[in-house]
Each structure stands twice: as structure tokens, then as C-alpha cells.
Amino acid sequence: MAAILCNFSNLYRAAQCCLLASFLLFATACSSLPSLQYRNTTTTFDATNDTQLGRSIAPMLAAHPDTISGVHLLTNPYEAMASRVHLARSAEISIDAQYYIWRADIVGTLLFEELFQAAERGVRVRLLLDDNGTQGIDKLLAALNAHPNIEIRLFNPFLYRNARWFDFLTDFSRLNRRMHNKLYIVDNQVAIAGGRNIGDEYFQVPEQTAFIDADLLGVGPVVRESSKDFDRYWASLSSYPAELILSAPSDQELEDLHNEAKIYNTDEKAQRYIHAMNASGAVQRFLAGDLPWHWVSVRMISDPPAKGLGTARSEDLLPAKLFQLAGIPEKNMEVIAPYFVPQQDDIAAMTNLAQEGVQLQILTNSLSATDVAVVHSGYAGSRTALLKAGVNLYEWRHSMAADLMGNRLGIGQSSASSLHAKTFTIDGKHLFIGSFNFDPRSIRLNTECGFIVHSELLAAQMEEAFMLAIPFQSYEVHLSPQGSLYWLERREDGRVIRHDQEPYTSWWQRRLVDFFAILPIKWLL
């Protein structure tokens, strides 16, 4: 009897294994992506100097050498949105947009409508979206993609639209790699690169937590570099035409977009936002030629799109290009990164720089300000080592008063805020603004892009922020003689408040971070 039971048990386990193997084979077969053999080829239009934008920019370009670009810093969220809307309305030939997230909220719907209206005028619109940030808008994207002048592609797409977890189970190594780039190019004459996705929180729609962010508006040679980079992502093996992935749209779905946009004509919150956007004066200054341009050497740098498939060479990745162009810091380096997760090699490199006399200052989110607590767990354990090395650490405060930095960013009194800008400066000469977070995902998994600006003036503005504004909008992190962390909060009235645990957090928040910290997931953060 025992032998029979043993044989039965072995047969049962064998059957289980066969069923599991069959399931995995079936899942793998079902998750194969469609062929790109017949995907059409499109590239940037070069002859765009005779457009409205081309003619308005031409006198400025003529006054500067061919190697110099003009950049304008967009920190105010209303100005950043107004610039995108104005450029869409000014487009005559093409709009190329590349984003990690595009939401169907107030900002996303309004900008979708602007792209549609541009297409109605005959403008060619190419929209490349990372598919991880398109949840819930498949029908809308399919409807837009059906327009003859709009083409949408999805980067590293999911096949199971309503069960993406199943895709992760069967194709995790690919789907764990995302396109984090943010780029917006109109008529191959003007480009915007930076940290903002398209959604309410990135442009300070009322009643939303304000994401403190930064973009650069560029004209000149850097735009042509950006267009070439868009083209190579558009043609990459990770970019799939939407019609190969999404179901065919109904006639009603595009009408729903227009109806939603019309609702915002009477919606109080939307109207308050549109009024604030118009009041920024960005469009008026752009039309009058009064934007404060900085004419400097600018390079557009990015990861190769092959990184989305895990086949890119390390020497071709963005960090290598960045330090090749800007050099290793010799005097000082200021880093603003919302998701700062240094690895052991990074900590060792920063320690060596600090020991050589380089002043390192880092601003990231506090636990109370971050929108991703698990990422904070990857940073929290590094604080002691960084402070011992002499690195200055600042953590952004969740509640933000309208002082020097608040007024610069256009944030109202006592607004809830979370840091989302990704910038750093090197030796007071070089400034980077883009999508790159100082974390393992940006370094090894996600594709990133941005502008590196060789400008002592703009770099000095960043250094000034660290000296004058950031200490009043963040907590200074210190290490006591006993080896414990504490946080100093500087108030406008001159008071300095000491916190001996993560400021304004609950016991449960801190324990959750402790739990995440012991998991072997730092490489995913």
C-alpha cells in the first residue's frame, strides 16, 4: 500500500509539473509580440525654417554662432504648460512628443485636444508613449491614432491590456525596462526636455499635490539633436504602432475626448487652472520675443533605445556621456533627485570626491514628501555613510510655504509638495536637466534623456538655491556624535527645530520603510 501511495504521489507531482510546464509554454506563446516587418518609416521634417516658429526664431539664431543654442528655464508649472499649449497652437508641420506618463485628467485631456486640433490643421503628430504609463486610456489612444495625421507608438507594450500582471509573469525582463524620457518638439524648431510627465500633478492643477519640477525650453542646434534622438526611438525595436496593440476604436470614443474637453470650459477647477496658466504671461512673452534666453553651448544626451531591450553597451549610456561632457567634479557638485538611491559604488565614489575636497550637496525627498515610500527605503540606509563622508544632505519638506523658492516656482502659501525635478551641476560650469534619477532604474533599466548646459550663469543659480532657498524648504540631515540621525528644520522666523526621527511621519510609515529596506529589491528601485 505504501508503494502504491508513493507511486501515486510521484505521478501527481509529475502531473503538476507537466501542467505547470504546459502553462508556461502556453503563456510564452501567447505573449509573443506582433511583427514590425511592415511598420512604416517616418523621420523629422528638415525644411521648417519658413514656419511661424522658424521665422520668429531666425533673428535670434542669426545673432549667435551655429554651435550655440538658446535655452529658457521652465520652473513655474503654469509657464511650462502654457509653453506646450502655445507651441501646439503654433505648429504648422509637425509635433513629436515622447513621454513616460500621459494621464487623461485636466492637463492630459487639454493637451490631447491641442494635438488633435493641430492634426486637423494638417500638422503631422507623432506620439511615443511608454506603455507602463497608459493604463486606462487605451480607447482614447486608439481613437486619436485613427486620425490620418496622428500616429501613436507604444514603447515595450503590454499585450494583456486588462491583466498586465500576467505580462509581467511571462515577460518580466523586458517589461521591467521602461522609457522614462520626456521630450516635446514642434516644427523641428523648439524643444522642451525635462522632468515633467503630462498630468495634473506635474503642472500644479488646484487641489493636487504640487510636483516641484523643471524643464528646459530650447531653440537652435539642440533641437535638431533632439529630433534625431526622437527618430531613433521612434524606429527602435521597442516601439510598436498602436494599431498592432490596441483594439480598433469606435466613432464615439473620439467624440468623448472632445466632450471631456468641452466640460472643462465650465468646470470650476479647470477654469481656475486655465486662468493661472494664461496669467503666467509665458505665451505673451514668447510672442513678443521677451523670454529671457540664455545663449550657451547645449547638448542633448540620452540612453540608446536598445537599453529598453537590455542590449545597450555601458559606455553608450547616459551617465557615461554626462561625465564625458562635463568631467568629474573637481570643486563642487549639487544634485537634485527625487528618487536618490546610491549604490555601494556610488557611495565609494562620493566618499573619494569628498576626501579630495569636493563639496557635494544632495537634495532629495523626505519620507513625508515622497510619493514612493519603497524608493525612500533604498536611500535611507545610505545616509549615515554619506554624512560620514562629508556629503551635505537635504530632504524636501512636504508642506511648502511661499518664501524665496516657493515664489520662484509659482507655488501658493502652504501648498503640499513633492520634489520631482532631476538636475545637477558640476563645478559651477555645467547644468543637467532631464529625466535621469540618481537611482539603479535610471542607471541600468530605464531609458533617460535631458539637456546638459555649459553655463556658469545657470549653474550659479542652482548653487544660489542651495545657499539661500533650499535650506528653508528642506530638512538638513545630520549625524550626532553617538551616530544617530537628526533633522534640522529652519523656519522663516529664525527658529531651528530639531527632529530626532523622520519629520512629520507616523510610526507605521517608518516601519514600512524598515520592512522594504530588508528586502533584496534595491536593484529594482
Protein backbone atom coordinates (compact mmCIF):
# COMPACT_ATOMS: atom_id res chain seq x y z
CA MET A 1 0.00 0.00 0.00
CA ALA A 2 2.81 2.39 0.87
CA ALA A 3 4.43 1.73 -2.50
CA ILE A 4 1.16 2.39 -4.29
CA LEU A 5 0.66 5.64 -2.39
CA CYS A 6 4.23 6.65 -3.11
CA ASN A 7 3.80 5.94 -6.82
CA PHE A 8 0.52 7.86 -6.82
CA SER A 9 2.23 10.80 -5.11
CA ASN A 10 5.02 10.78 -7.67
CA LEU A 11 2.51 10.64 -10.53
CA TYR A 12 0.56 13.54 -9.01
CA ARG A 13 3.70 15.64 -8.71
CA ALA A 14 4.71 14.73 -12.25
CA ALA A 15 1.27 15.77 -13.48
CA GLN A 16 1.60 19.05 -11.62
CA CYS A 17 4.97 19.69 -13.24
CA CYS A 18 3.57 18.87 -16.68
CA LEU A 19 0.64 21.20 -16.16
CA LEU A 20 2.95 23.98 -14.96
CA ALA A 21 5.31 23.46 -17.91
CA SER A 22 2.36 23.47 -20.33
CA PHE A 23 1.03 26.66 -18.75
CA LEU A 24 4.40 28.40 -19.06
CA LEU A 25 4.79 27.30 -22.67
CA PHE A 26 1.24 28.47 -23.43
CA ALA A 27 1.85 31.81 -21.68
CA THR A 28 5.11 32.33 -23.55
CA ALA A 29 3.48 31.53 -26.88
CA CYS A 30 0.56 33.83 -26.14
CA SER A 31 2.79 36.72 -25.14
CA SER A 32 4.77 36.98 -28.38
CA LEU A 33 4.73 40.48 -29.77
CA PRO A 34 3.46 41.27 -33.29
CA SER A 35 5.91 41.58 -36.15
CA LEU A 36 7.32 45.01 -37.05
CA GLN A 37 8.11 43.93 -40.61
CA TYR A 38 5.56 46.24 -42.21
CA ARG A 39 5.88 49.17 -39.82
CA ASN A 40 6.11 52.41 -41.80
CA THR A 41 9.15 54.68 -41.60
CA THR A 42 8.88 58.39 -40.84
CA THR A 43 11.56 60.89 -39.91
CA THR A 44 11.83 64.51 -38.87
CA PHE A 45 10.98 67.24 -41.39
CA ASP A 46 14.08 69.37 -42.03
CA ALA A 47 12.64 72.21 -44.15
CA THR A 48 10.83 74.07 -41.38
CA ASN A 49 12.60 77.44 -41.31
CA ASP A 50 9.73 79.12 -43.13
CA THR A 51 7.19 78.26 -40.44
CA GLN A 52 5.85 80.81 -37.99
CA LEU A 53 8.16 79.46 -35.30
CA GLY A 54 11.12 79.31 -37.69
CA ARG A 55 10.70 82.92 -38.75
CA SER A 56 10.31 84.18 -35.17
CA ILE A 57 13.45 82.37 -34.02
CA ALA A 58 15.60 83.15 -37.08
CA PRO A 59 16.78 86.65 -35.97
CA MET A 60 17.93 85.27 -32.61
CA LEU A 61 19.76 82.37 -34.22
CA ALA A 62 21.42 84.69 -36.74
CA ALA A 63 22.86 86.73 -33.88
CA HIS A 64 24.68 83.72 -32.41
CA PRO A 65 27.18 81.14 -33.71
CA ASP A 66 25.82 77.95 -35.22
CA THR A 67 27.07 75.87 -32.29
CA ILE A 68 25.18 77.91 -29.68
CA SER A 69 21.61 77.16 -28.58
CA GLY A 70 19.12 79.27 -26.68
CA VAL A 71 17.55 77.83 -23.52
CA HIS A 72 14.90 79.11 -21.16
CA LEU A 73 14.36 77.51 -17.75
CA LEU A 74 10.77 76.43 -17.03
CA THR A 75 10.36 76.01 -13.27
CA ASN A 76 6.94 77.65 -12.98
CA PRO A 77 4.38 74.89 -13.75
CA TYR A 78 1.88 77.29 -15.35
CA GLU A 79 4.53 78.65 -17.68
CA ALA A 80 5.59 75.09 -18.51
CA MET A 81 2.05 74.11 -19.52
CA ALA A 82 1.38 77.39 -21.34
CA SER A 83 4.53 76.86 -23.40
CA ARG A 84 3.36 73.42 -24.53
CA VAL A 85 -0.13 74.68 -25.40
CA HIS A 86 1.20 77.70 -27.29
CA LEU A 87 3.67 75.59 -29.26
CA ALA A 88 0.94 73.12 -30.23
CA ARG A 89 -1.22 76.00 -31.46
CA SER A 90 1.71 77.47 -33.39
CA ALA A 91 2.64 74.16 -35.08
CA GLU A 92 2.40 74.12 -38.87
CA ILE A 93 4.28 70.98 -39.88
CA SER A 94 4.98 68.57 -37.03
CA ILE A 95 4.67 67.77 -33.34
CA ASP A 96 6.80 64.97 -31.87
CA ALA A 97 6.11 64.06 -28.24
CA GLN A 98 7.77 61.36 -26.13
CA TYR A 99 6.59 60.70 -22.55
CA TYR A 100 6.67 58.15 -19.76
CA ILE A 101 3.20 59.08 -18.40
CA TRP A 102 0.27 60.83 -20.06
CA ARG A 103 -2.91 60.96 -17.97
CA ALA A 104 -6.47 61.62 -19.15
CA ASP A 105 -7.01 64.30 -16.48
CA ILE A 106 -7.40 68.07 -16.93
CA VAL A 107 -3.88 68.70 -18.24
CA GLY A 108 -3.68 65.50 -20.27
CA THR A 109 -7.10 65.98 -21.88
CA LEU A 110 -6.44 69.61 -22.76
CA LEU A 111 -3.13 68.74 -24.38
CA PHE A 112 -4.60 65.73 -26.21
CA GLU A 113 -7.22 68.12 -27.62
CA GLU A 114 -4.47 70.55 -28.72
CA LEU A 115 -2.69 67.72 -30.56
CA PHE A 116 -5.95 66.73 -32.26
CA GLN A 117 -6.69 70.30 -33.33
CA ALA A 118 -3.16 70.59 -34.74
CA ALA A 119 -3.71 67.37 -36.71
CA GLU A 120 -6.98 68.81 -38.04
CA ARG A 121 -4.93 71.73 -39.45
CA GLY A 122 -2.68 69.25 -41.29
CA VAL A 123 0.13 69.00 -38.74
CA ARG A 124 1.74 65.57 -38.50
CA VAL A 125 1.65 64.37 -34.88
CA ARG A 126 3.86 61.53 -33.67
CA LEU A 127 3.28 60.44 -30.08
CA LEU A 128 5.61 57.90 -28.46
CA LEU A 129 4.45 56.74 -25.02
CA ASP A 130 5.90 54.27 -22.60
CA ASP A 131 3.14 51.69 -22.24
CA ASN A 132 3.51 51.46 -18.48
CA GLY A 133 2.02 54.96 -18.23
CA THR A 134 -1.03 54.45 -20.46
CA GLN A 135 -3.32 52.47 -18.17
CA GLY A 136 -6.98 53.38 -18.61
CA ILE A 137 -6.61 55.37 -21.84
CA ASP A 138 -6.46 52.63 -24.49
CA LYS A 139 -9.73 53.68 -26.15
CA LEU A 140 -8.68 57.31 -26.26
CA LEU A 141 -5.28 56.47 -27.75
CA ALA A 142 -6.87 54.20 -30.36
CA ALA A 143 -9.29 56.94 -31.34
CA LEU A 144 -6.52 59.52 -31.72
CA ASN A 145 -4.37 57.04 -33.62
CA ALA A 146 -7.18 56.60 -36.14
CA HIS A 147 -6.74 60.22 -37.31
CA PRO A 148 -4.78 60.26 -40.61
CA ASN A 149 -2.32 62.86 -39.25
CA ILE A 150 -1.73 61.23 -35.85
CA GLU A 151 0.46 58.21 -35.29
CA ILE A 152 0.95 56.72 -31.82
CA ARG A 153 3.55 54.14 -30.84
CA LEU A 154 3.88 52.29 -27.54
CA PHE A 155 7.29 51.50 -26.06
CA ASN A 156 7.73 47.99 -24.63
CA PRO A 157 3.98 47.37 -24.80
CA PHE A 158 1.81 45.04 -22.74
CA LEU A 159 -0.29 42.55 -24.67
CA TYR A 160 -2.81 41.73 -21.95
CA ARG A 161 -4.36 45.17 -21.60
CA ASN A 162 -6.58 44.34 -18.62
CA ALA A 163 -4.21 41.86 -16.95
CA ARG A 164 -0.79 43.43 -17.14
CA TRP A 165 0.36 41.38 -14.17
CA PHE A 166 0.16 38.34 -16.45
CA ASP A 167 2.54 40.00 -18.92
CA PHE A 168 4.95 40.67 -16.06
CA LEU A 169 4.85 36.99 -15.15
CA THR A 170 5.71 35.85 -18.67
CA ASP A 171 7.96 38.68 -19.92
CA PHE A 172 9.36 40.40 -16.84
CA SER A 173 12.90 41.04 -18.11
CA ARG A 174 11.56 43.16 -20.99
CA LEU A 175 8.66 44.87 -19.22
CA ASN A 176 10.85 45.83 -16.27
CA ARG A 177 12.67 48.16 -18.67
CA ARG A 178 10.75 51.39 -19.34
CA MET A 179 11.16 54.52 -21.47
CA HIS A 180 11.37 57.34 -18.92
CA ASN A 181 12.22 60.06 -21.49
CA LYS A 182 10.30 63.36 -21.66
CA LEU A 183 10.58 65.31 -24.91
CA TYR A 184 8.29 67.69 -26.83
CA ILE A 185 9.35 69.06 -30.23
CA VAL A 186 7.39 71.37 -32.54
CA ASP A 187 8.22 72.02 -36.21
CA ASN A 188 11.82 70.92 -35.53
CA GLN A 189 12.30 74.49 -34.24
CA VAL A 190 11.58 74.36 -30.49
CA ALA A 191 12.06 71.53 -27.99
CA ILE A 192 11.20 71.01 -24.32
CA ALA A 193 13.07 68.44 -22.24
CA GLY A 194 12.98 67.90 -18.50
CA GLY A 195 11.33 66.01 -15.69
CA ARG A 196 7.60 66.60 -16.24
CA ASN A 197 5.21 63.92 -17.38
CA ILE A 198 1.80 65.00 -18.68
CA GLY A 199 -0.65 65.01 -15.78
CA ASP A 200 -2.28 67.37 -13.29
CA GLU A 201 0.26 66.87 -10.50
CA TYR A 202 3.16 67.95 -12.74
CA PHE A 203 1.57 71.30 -13.63
CA GLN A 204 0.01 72.25 -10.27
CA VAL A 205 -3.67 71.86 -11.02
CA PRO A 206 -5.62 73.08 -7.94
CA GLU A 207 -6.20 70.56 -5.13
CA GLN A 208 -3.32 68.39 -6.33
CA THR A 209 -0.02 67.86 -4.55
CA ALA A 210 2.44 70.07 -6.41
CA PHE A 211 5.32 68.20 -8.02
CA ILE A 212 8.29 70.57 -7.97
CA ASP A 213 9.85 70.11 -11.37
CA ALA A 214 11.94 71.74 -14.07
CA ASP A 215 12.11 71.74 -17.88
CA LEU A 216 14.31 73.49 -20.40
CA LEU A 217 12.84 75.17 -23.48
CA GLY A 218 15.42 75.08 -26.27
CA VAL A 219 15.99 76.56 -29.74
CA GLY A 220 18.89 76.17 -32.11
CA PRO A 221 21.18 73.16 -32.68
CA VAL A 222 19.92 71.32 -29.58
CA VAL A 223 16.50 70.99 -31.27
CA ARG A 224 17.99 69.17 -34.24
CA GLU A 225 19.81 66.83 -31.85
CA SER A 226 16.53 66.21 -30.03
CA SER A 227 14.69 65.44 -33.27
CA LYS A 228 17.35 62.93 -34.32
CA ASP A 229 17.06 61.28 -30.93
CA PHE A 230 13.27 61.09 -31.23
CA ASP A 231 13.67 59.48 -34.65
CA ARG A 232 15.91 56.72 -33.33
CA TYR A 233 13.46 55.92 -30.52
CA TRP A 234 10.57 56.05 -32.99
CA ALA A 235 12.36 53.50 -35.20
CA SER A 236 13.58 51.31 -32.33
CA LEU A 237 12.64 47.65 -31.94
CA SER A 238 10.74 48.52 -28.75
CA SER A 239 8.32 50.98 -30.40
CA TYR A 240 5.11 49.34 -31.63
CA PRO A 241 2.40 51.07 -33.69
CA ALA A 242 -0.68 51.43 -31.50
CA GLU A 243 -2.91 49.65 -34.02
CA LEU A 244 -0.88 46.45 -33.51
CA ILE A 245 -1.56 46.52 -29.76
CA LEU A 246 -4.89 48.28 -29.19
CA SER A 247 -8.39 47.30 -30.25
CA ALA A 248 -9.96 49.25 -33.12
CA PRO A 249 -11.76 52.39 -31.88
CA SER A 250 -15.42 53.23 -32.14
CA ASP A 251 -16.69 56.51 -33.58
CA GLN A 252 -17.90 57.51 -30.12
CA GLU A 253 -14.52 57.44 -28.39
CA LEU A 254 -13.01 60.45 -30.14
CA GLU A 255 -16.24 62.34 -29.57
CA ASP A 256 -15.84 61.54 -25.87
CA LEU A 257 -12.47 63.33 -25.88
CA HIS A 258 -13.98 66.47 -27.36
CA ASN A 259 -16.90 66.35 -24.92
CA GLU A 260 -14.49 65.98 -21.99
CA ALA A 261 -12.50 68.97 -23.22
CA LYS A 262 -15.74 70.98 -23.53
CA ILE A 263 -16.67 70.11 -19.94
CA TYR A 264 -13.52 71.88 -18.81
CA ASN A 265 -14.87 75.09 -20.31
CA THR A 266 -17.31 75.24 -17.40
CA ASP A 267 -15.53 73.14 -14.75
CA GLU A 268 -14.50 75.48 -11.90
CA LYS A 269 -11.23 73.75 -11.08
CA ALA A 270 -10.23 73.57 -14.74
CA GLN A 271 -11.12 77.21 -15.29
CA ARG A 272 -9.02 78.28 -12.30
CA TYR A 273 -6.12 76.36 -13.74
CA ILE A 274 -6.53 77.75 -17.26
CA HIS A 275 -6.72 81.28 -15.80
CA ALA A 276 -3.49 80.72 -13.82
CA MET A 277 -1.81 79.29 -16.92
CA ASN A 278 -2.80 82.30 -19.04
CA ALA A 279 -1.79 84.69 -16.28
CA SER A 280 1.76 83.31 -16.30
CA GLY A 281 2.45 85.55 -19.31
CA ALA A 282 4.59 82.87 -20.97
CA VAL A 283 2.72 82.98 -24.27
CA GLN A 284 2.70 86.77 -24.42
CA ARG A 285 6.43 86.94 -23.71
CA PHE A 286 7.12 84.25 -26.30
CA LEU A 287 5.13 86.10 -28.96
CA ALA A 288 6.79 89.41 -28.09
CA GLY A 289 10.26 87.85 -28.12
CA ASP A 290 10.76 88.80 -24.46
CA LEU A 291 11.63 85.40 -23.00
CA PRO A 292 14.97 85.57 -21.15
CA TRP A 293 17.01 83.22 -23.33
CA HIS A 294 20.46 82.03 -22.30
CA TRP A 295 22.67 81.54 -25.35
CA VAL A 296 25.14 78.82 -24.45
CA SER A 297 26.58 75.50 -25.56
CA VAL A 298 23.89 72.83 -25.04
CA ARG A 299 23.92 69.12 -25.81
CA MET A 300 21.01 66.73 -25.87
CA ILE A 301 22.08 63.40 -24.34
CA SER A 302 20.16 60.16 -23.89
CA ASP A 303 20.42 56.44 -23.46
CA PRO A 304 20.30 54.35 -26.63
CA PRO A 305 16.82 52.86 -27.16
CA ALA A 306 18.48 49.41 -27.14
CA LYS A 307 18.61 49.81 -23.36
CA GLY A 308 14.88 49.03 -23.45
CA LEU A 309 15.83 45.54 -24.64
CA GLY A 310 18.84 45.17 -22.36
CA THR A 311 21.32 45.21 -25.25
CA ALA A 312 22.96 48.64 -24.85
CA ARG A 313 26.67 48.97 -24.05
CA SER A 314 27.58 50.64 -20.75
CA GLU A 315 29.82 53.17 -22.49
CA ASP A 316 26.81 54.38 -24.53
CA LEU A 317 24.58 55.02 -21.52
CA LEU A 318 23.63 58.50 -20.33
CA PRO A 319 25.87 58.62 -17.20
CA ALA A 320 28.95 57.90 -19.29
CA LYS A 321 28.00 60.63 -21.77
CA LEU A 322 27.27 63.07 -18.97
CA PHE A 323 30.63 62.83 -17.28
CA GLN A 324 32.37 62.69 -20.65
CA LEU A 325 30.89 66.10 -21.48
CA ALA A 326 31.03 67.71 -18.02
CA GLY A 327 34.01 65.94 -16.49
CA ILE A 328 34.45 64.55 -13.00
CA PRO A 329 33.73 67.18 -10.30
CA GLU A 330 36.82 68.94 -9.00
CA LYS A 331 35.29 71.64 -6.76
CA ASN A 332 31.61 71.06 -6.15
CA MET A 333 28.53 69.15 -7.29
CA GLU A 334 24.88 69.84 -6.46
CA VAL A 335 22.33 67.09 -7.07
CA ILE A 336 18.53 67.36 -7.03
CA ALA A 337 16.96 63.93 -7.38
CA PRO A 338 13.52 62.92 -6.07
CA TYR A 339 14.43 59.22 -6.04
CA PHE A 340 18.05 59.22 -4.89
CA VAL A 341 19.20 55.60 -4.35
CA PRO A 342 23.01 55.39 -4.35
CA GLN A 343 24.69 52.01 -4.73
CA GLN A 344 27.84 50.97 -2.90
CA ASP A 345 29.98 52.07 -5.86
CA ASP A 346 28.27 55.48 -5.83
CA ILE A 347 28.85 55.91 -2.10
CA ALA A 348 32.51 54.96 -2.54
CA ALA A 349 32.91 57.44 -5.42
CA MET A 350 31.27 60.24 -3.43
CA THR A 351 33.44 59.43 -0.42
CA ASN A 352 36.56 59.69 -2.57
CA LEU A 353 35.42 63.01 -4.04
CA ALA A 354 34.65 64.43 -0.59
CA GLN A 355 38.04 63.32 0.71
CA GLU A 356 39.64 65.16 -2.21
CA GLY A 357 37.90 68.36 -1.12
CA VAL A 358 34.92 68.34 -3.49
CA GLN A 359 31.82 69.83 -1.87
CA LEU A 360 28.83 67.54 -2.51
CA GLN A 361 25.28 68.69 -1.81
CA ILE A 362 22.27 66.47 -2.40
CA LEU A 363 18.56 67.31 -2.21
CA THR A 364 16.01 64.50 -2.31
CA ASN A 365 12.54 63.89 -0.91
CA SER A 366 11.90 63.38 2.77
CA LEU A 367 9.76 60.41 3.77
CA SER A 368 6.81 62.76 4.35
CA ALA A 369 7.20 64.25 0.85
CA THR A 370 7.99 61.24 -1.31
CA ASP A 371 5.29 59.64 -3.41
CA VAL A 372 7.14 56.29 -3.46
CA ALA A 373 8.00 55.10 0.05
CA VAL A 374 9.71 51.95 -1.20
CA VAL A 375 12.27 54.10 -3.03
CA HIS A 376 12.93 56.04 0.17
CA SER A 377 13.90 52.74 1.78
CA GLY A 378 16.68 52.37 -0.79
CA TYR A 379 18.05 55.81 0.13
CA ALA A 380 17.54 55.81 3.90
CA GLY A 381 20.19 53.20 4.62
CA SER A 382 22.84 55.24 2.77
CA ARG A 383 22.51 58.43 4.82
CA THR A 384 24.94 57.54 7.59
CA ALA A 385 27.73 56.57 5.17
CA LEU A 386 27.21 59.71 3.07
CA LEU A 387 27.20 62.01 6.10
CA LYS A 388 30.35 60.37 7.47
CA ALA A 389 31.99 61.04 4.11
CA GLY A 390 31.15 64.75 4.40
CA VAL A 391 28.26 64.90 1.93
CA ASN A 392 25.61 67.53 2.74
CA LEU A 393 22.12 66.00 2.69
CA TYR A 394 18.84 67.91 2.39
CA GLU A 395 15.36 66.37 2.31
CA TRP A 396 12.44 68.25 0.77
CA ARG A 397 9.62 69.23 3.13
CA HIS A 398 6.08 68.14 2.28
CA SER A 399 4.44 71.41 3.41
CA MET A 400 5.87 74.31 1.50
CA ALA A 401 5.47 77.98 2.40
CA ALA A 402 5.63 80.77 -0.17
CA ASP A 403 9.14 82.00 0.51
CA LEU A 404 12.03 82.57 -1.91
CA MET A 405 11.90 79.15 -3.58
CA GLY A 406 8.12 78.93 -3.39
CA ASN A 407 7.67 82.25 -5.16
CA ARG A 408 10.16 81.27 -7.85
CA LEU A 409 8.25 78.10 -8.55
CA GLY A 410 4.82 79.71 -8.50
CA ILE A 411 3.63 77.67 -5.53
CA GLY A 412 0.98 79.14 -3.24
CA GLN A 413 1.08 79.51 0.53
CA SER A 414 1.40 76.24 2.47
CA SER A 415 1.00 74.01 -0.57
CA ALA A 416 1.64 70.29 -0.23
CA SER A 417 4.57 69.46 -2.49
CA SER A 418 6.82 66.64 -3.59
CA LEU A 419 10.15 67.04 -5.32
CA HIS A 420 10.22 65.71 -8.89
CA ALA A 421 12.95 67.76 -10.61
CA LYS A 422 16.08 65.96 -11.76
CA THR A 423 19.02 68.33 -12.09
CA PHE A 424 22.66 68.56 -11.12
CA THR A 425 25.53 70.98 -11.54
CA ILE A 426 29.26 70.36 -11.73
CA ASP A 427 31.95 72.85 -10.74
CA GLY A 428 29.71 75.85 -11.31
CA LYS A 429 30.01 75.37 -15.08
CA HIS A 430 27.70 72.58 -16.18
CA LEU A 431 23.99 72.07 -15.56
CA PHE A 432 21.93 68.98 -16.42
CA ILE A 433 18.12 68.99 -16.54
CA GLY A 434 16.23 65.94 -17.70
CA SER A 435 14.53 62.71 -16.70
CA PHE A 436 17.52 60.96 -15.07
CA ASN A 437 17.10 59.96 -11.42
CA PHE A 438 20.19 59.07 -9.44
CA ASP A 439 18.93 55.52 -8.87
CA PRO A 440 19.52 51.98 -10.19
CA ARG A 441 16.50 52.11 -12.52
CA SER A 442 17.80 55.20 -14.33
CA ILE A 443 21.31 53.81 -14.49
CA ARG A 444 20.60 50.23 -15.58
CA LEU A 445 16.95 49.68 -16.56
CA ASN A 446 15.04 52.75 -17.82
CA THR A 447 15.95 54.88 -20.81
CA GLU A 448 16.52 58.56 -19.96
CA CYS A 449 17.29 61.86 -21.68
CA GLY A 450 17.99 65.52 -20.96
CA PHE A 451 19.93 68.66 -21.83
CA ILE A 452 23.39 69.36 -20.50
CA VAL A 453 24.07 73.10 -20.50
CA HIS A 454 27.55 74.57 -20.27
CA SER A 455 26.66 77.80 -18.48
CA GLU A 456 28.24 79.39 -15.43
CA LEU A 457 25.20 81.65 -15.03
CA LEU A 458 22.60 78.86 -14.85
CA ALA A 459 24.87 76.70 -12.70
CA ALA A 460 25.34 79.65 -10.36
CA GLN A 461 21.56 79.96 -10.00
CA MET A 462 21.43 76.36 -8.83
CA GLU A 463 24.23 76.98 -6.33
CA GLU A 464 22.39 80.07 -5.09
CA ALA A 465 19.28 77.97 -4.48
CA PHE A 466 21.30 75.60 -2.28
CA MET A 467 22.66 78.54 -0.31
CA LEU A 468 19.55 80.72 0.03
CA ALA A 469 16.35 78.80 -0.65
CA ILE A 470 16.74 75.07 -0.24
CA PRO A 471 17.72 75.15 3.46
CA PHE A 472 14.34 76.80 4.17
CA GLN A 473 12.36 74.31 2.08
CA SER A 474 14.04 71.16 3.33
CA TYR A 475 15.39 69.40 6.39
CA GLU A 476 19.15 69.35 6.86
CA VAL A 477 20.18 65.85 7.81
CA HIS A 478 22.94 65.48 10.40
CA LEU A 479 24.76 62.76 12.29
CA SER A 480 25.07 63.05 16.07
CA PRO A 481 28.31 62.14 17.93
CA GLN A 482 26.52 58.96 19.00
CA GLY A 483 25.93 58.00 15.36
CA SER A 484 22.18 58.65 15.19
CA LEU A 485 20.45 60.78 12.56
CA TYR A 486 18.63 64.01 13.27
CA TRP A 487 16.93 66.61 11.08
CA LEU A 488 17.05 70.41 11.37
CA GLU A 489 14.06 72.41 10.16
CA ARG A 490 14.76 76.10 9.59
CA ARG A 491 11.78 78.43 9.93
CA GLU A 492 11.38 81.87 8.37
CA ASP A 493 11.19 83.48 11.81
CA GLY A 494 14.73 82.30 12.56
CA ARG A 495 13.80 79.29 14.69
CA VAL A 496 15.56 75.98 14.14
CA ILE A 497 13.60 72.88 15.12
CA ARG A 498 15.38 69.60 15.72
CA HIS A 499 13.71 66.27 14.84
CA ASP A 500 15.20 63.03 16.14
CA GLN A 501 13.15 60.87 13.80
CA GLU A 502 11.86 61.29 10.23
CA PRO A 503 9.91 64.59 10.46
CA TYR A 504 6.12 64.51 10.35
CA THR A 505 5.81 60.78 9.69
CA SER A 506 3.86 58.08 11.50
CA TRP A 507 5.22 55.03 13.26
CA TRP A 508 3.65 52.90 10.52
CA GLN A 509 5.37 54.86 7.73
CA ARG A 510 8.76 54.40 9.35
CA ARG A 511 8.21 50.68 9.97
CA LEU A 512 7.10 50.19 6.36
CA VAL A 513 10.35 51.74 5.16
CA ASP A 514 12.29 49.50 7.55
CA PHE A 515 10.49 46.47 6.09
CA PHE A 516 11.25 47.46 2.49
CA ALA A 517 14.89 48.07 3.43
CA ILE A 518 15.49 44.42 4.34
CA LEU A 519 14.09 43.12 1.05
CA PRO A 520 16.58 42.37 -1.78
CA ILE A 521 14.92 44.86 -4.15
CA LYS A 522 17.34 47.79 -4.25
CA TRP A 523 18.34 46.95 -7.84
CA LEU A 524 14.70 47.47 -8.90
CA LEU A 525 14.32 50.93 -7.34
